Amino acid sequence: MPKKRNREIFASADLMMGANHIRVRCFDGVTRMGRIKGKIKKRVWIREGDTLIVVPWSFQDEKCDIIYRYLKPQVEWLRRNRYL
C-alpha cells in the first residue's frame, strides 16, 4: 500500500518511452514521466496497463520514481477492497 507520509501514490503505466522511462497516469489526475528505480530495474518487467506505486519528485512534480509493480491477483484484491 502507498504510504502517504512518503508521498507515494497509485499509478497506471500508460506508454513505454524507452531507456527505463514510462509515462504514467497517476490516480491524483496528473500524467507524469516515471523512471524505473535501479533497485527494481532488472528484477521487474513493467508493461502498459500495469498498476504501480510511484513517488513524485519534490522539485519537479511532472516526474516520478516507480518503486513497485502490482501483480494481477494483488490488483484484483485492491479492487475488491475498494482501494482502487
C-alpha atoms as a PDB file:
ATOM      1  CA  MET A   1       0.000   0.000   0.000  1.00  0.00           C
ATOM      2  CA  PRO A   2       1.237   3.513  -0.753  1.00  0.00           C
ATOM      3  CA  LYS A   3       2.417   5.435   2.295  1.00  0.00           C
ATOM      4  CA  LYS A   4       1.021   8.971   2.373  1.00  0.00           C
ATOM      5  CA  ARG A   5       3.835  10.266   4.580  1.00  0.00           C
ATOM      6  CA  ASN A   6       6.358   9.250   1.851  1.00  0.00           C
ATOM      7  CA  ARG A   7       4.199  10.897  -0.885  1.00  0.00           C
ATOM      8  CA  GLU A   8       3.566   7.510  -2.549  1.00  0.00           C
ATOM      9  CA  ILE A   9       0.512   7.198  -4.819  1.00  0.00           C
ATOM     10  CA  PHE A  10      -1.081   4.658  -7.152  1.00  0.00           C
ATOM     11  CA  ALA A  11      -0.463   4.990 -10.897  1.00  0.00           C
ATOM     12  CA  SER A  12      -1.104   3.109 -14.114  1.00  0.00           C
ATOM     13  CA  ALA A  13       1.564   2.561 -16.786  1.00  0.00           C
ATOM     14  CA  ASP A  14       0.406   4.430 -19.874  1.00  0.00           C
ATOM     15  CA  LEU A  15       3.184   4.403 -22.505  1.00  0.00           C
ATOM     16  CA  MET A  16       6.657   2.864 -22.675  1.00  0.00           C
ATOM     17  CA  MET A  17       9.137   5.579 -23.654  1.00  0.00           C
ATOM     18  CA  GLY A  18      12.364   3.535 -23.624  1.00  0.00           C
ATOM     19  CA  ALA A  19      15.554   3.865 -21.582  1.00  0.00           C
ATOM     20  CA  ASN A  20      13.768   2.960 -18.302  1.00  0.00           C
ATOM     21  CA  HIS A  21      11.197   5.743 -18.685  1.00  0.00           C
ATOM     22  CA  ILE A  22       7.441   5.230 -18.688  1.00  0.00           C
ATOM     23  CA  ARG A  23       4.619   7.732 -18.954  1.00  0.00           C
ATOM     24  CA  VAL A  24       2.283   7.011 -16.038  1.00  0.00           C
ATOM     25  CA  ARG A  25      -1.215   8.244 -15.259  1.00  0.00           C
ATOM     26  CA  CYS A  26      -1.367   8.855 -11.523  1.00  0.00           C
ATOM     27  CA  PHE A  27      -4.572   8.454  -9.534  1.00  0.00           C
ATOM     28  CA  ASP A  28      -4.408  12.105  -8.476  1.00  0.00           C
ATOM     29  CA  GLY A  29      -5.181  13.061 -12.110  1.00  0.00           C
ATOM     30  CA  VAL A  30      -1.672  14.050 -13.252  1.00  0.00           C
ATOM     31  CA  THR A  31       0.275  12.387 -16.083  1.00  0.00           C
ATOM     32  CA  ARG A  32       3.953  12.089 -15.162  1.00  0.00           C
ATOM     33  CA  MET A  33       7.165  10.759 -16.651  1.00  0.00           C
ATOM     34  CA  GLY A  34       8.177   7.796 -14.494  1.00  0.00           C
ATOM     35  CA  ARG A  35      11.675   6.439 -14.048  1.00  0.00           C
ATOM     36  CA  ILE A  36      12.258   2.822 -13.021  1.00  0.00           C
ATOM     37  CA  LYS A  37      14.456   2.810  -9.930  1.00  0.00           C
ATOM     38  CA  GLY A  38      17.704   0.847 -10.193  1.00  0.00           C
ATOM     39  CA  LYS A  39      16.631  -1.408  -7.334  1.00  0.00           C
ATOM     40  CA  ILE A  40      13.859  -2.967  -9.469  1.00  0.00           C
ATOM     41  CA  LYS A  41      15.222  -2.295 -12.956  1.00  0.00           C
ATOM     42  CA  LYS A  42      16.397  -5.834 -13.813  1.00  0.00           C
ATOM     43  CA  ARG A  43      14.037  -7.699 -11.457  1.00  0.00           C
ATOM     44  CA  VAL A  44      10.604  -6.457 -12.513  1.00  0.00           C
ATOM     45  CA  TRP A  45       9.225  -6.110 -16.040  1.00  0.00           C
ATOM     46  CA  ILE A  46       6.666  -3.348 -16.384  1.00  0.00           C
ATOM     47  CA  ARG A  47       4.136  -3.319 -19.240  1.00  0.00           C
ATOM     48  CA  GLU A  48       1.461  -0.858 -20.323  1.00  0.00           C
ATOM     49  CA  GLY A  49      -1.631  -1.128 -18.131  1.00  0.00           C
ATOM     50  CA  ASP A  50       0.204  -2.325 -15.000  1.00  0.00           C
ATOM     51  CA  THR A  51      -0.724  -0.825 -11.636  1.00  0.00           C
ATOM     52  CA  LEU A  52       2.228   0.815  -9.890  1.00  0.00           C
ATOM     53  CA  ILE A  53       3.262   2.761  -6.817  1.00  0.00           C
ATOM     54  CA  VAL A  54       5.130   5.960  -7.670  1.00  0.00           C
ATOM     55  CA  VAL A  55       6.800   8.764  -5.710  1.00  0.00           C
ATOM     56  CA  PRO A  56       6.604  12.218  -7.343  1.00  0.00           C
ATOM     57  CA  TRP A  57       9.797  14.246  -7.239  1.00  0.00           C
ATOM     58  CA  SER A  58       9.710  17.101  -4.750  1.00  0.00           C
ATOM     59  CA  PHE A  59      11.415  19.571  -7.110  1.00  0.00           C
ATOM     60  CA  GLN A  60       9.739  18.528 -10.418  1.00  0.00           C
ATOM     61  CA  ASP A  61       6.134  17.461  -9.986  1.00  0.00           C
ATOM     62  CA  GLU A  62       5.829  16.207 -13.592  1.00  0.00           C
ATOM     63  CA  LYS A  63       8.377  13.420 -12.927  1.00  0.00           C
ATOM     64  CA  CYS A  64       8.341  10.466 -10.533  1.00  0.00           C
ATOM     65  CA  ASP A  65      10.151   7.296  -9.467  1.00  0.00           C
ATOM     66  CA  ILE A  66       8.483   3.902  -9.890  1.00  0.00           C
ATOM     67  CA  ILE A  67       9.071   1.840  -6.777  1.00  0.00           C
ATOM     68  CA  TYR A  68       6.646  -1.120  -7.026  1.00  0.00           C
ATOM     69  CA  ARG A  69       4.530  -3.059  -9.554  1.00  0.00           C
ATOM     70  CA  TYR A  70       1.437  -4.974  -8.505  1.00  0.00           C
ATOM     71  CA  LEU A  71       0.704  -8.449  -9.873  1.00  0.00           C
ATOM     72  CA  LYS A  72      -2.740  -9.403 -11.249  1.00  0.00           C
ATOM     73  CA  PRO A  73      -4.009 -11.124  -8.039  1.00  0.00           C
ATOM     74  CA  GLN A  74      -2.883  -8.134  -5.991  1.00  0.00           C
ATOM     75  CA  VAL A  75      -4.750  -5.710  -8.277  1.00  0.00           C
ATOM     76  CA  GLU A  76      -7.905  -7.832  -8.011  1.00  0.00           C
ATOM     77  CA  TRP A  77      -7.616  -7.783  -4.196  1.00  0.00           C
ATOM     78  CA  LEU A  78      -7.177  -3.992  -4.227  1.00  0.00           C
ATOM     79  CA  ARG A  79     -10.294  -3.588  -6.393  1.00  0.00           C
ATOM     80  CA  ARG A  80     -12.365  -5.951  -4.220  1.00  0.00           C
ATOM     81  CA  ASN A  81     -11.402  -3.994  -1.112  1.00  0.00           C
ATOM     82  CA  ARG A  82     -12.030  -0.634  -2.838  1.00  0.00           C
ATOM     83  CA  TYR A  83      -8.511   0.763  -2.702  1.00  0.00           C
ATOM     84  CA  LEU A  84      -8.617   1.380  -6.480  1.00  0.00           C
END
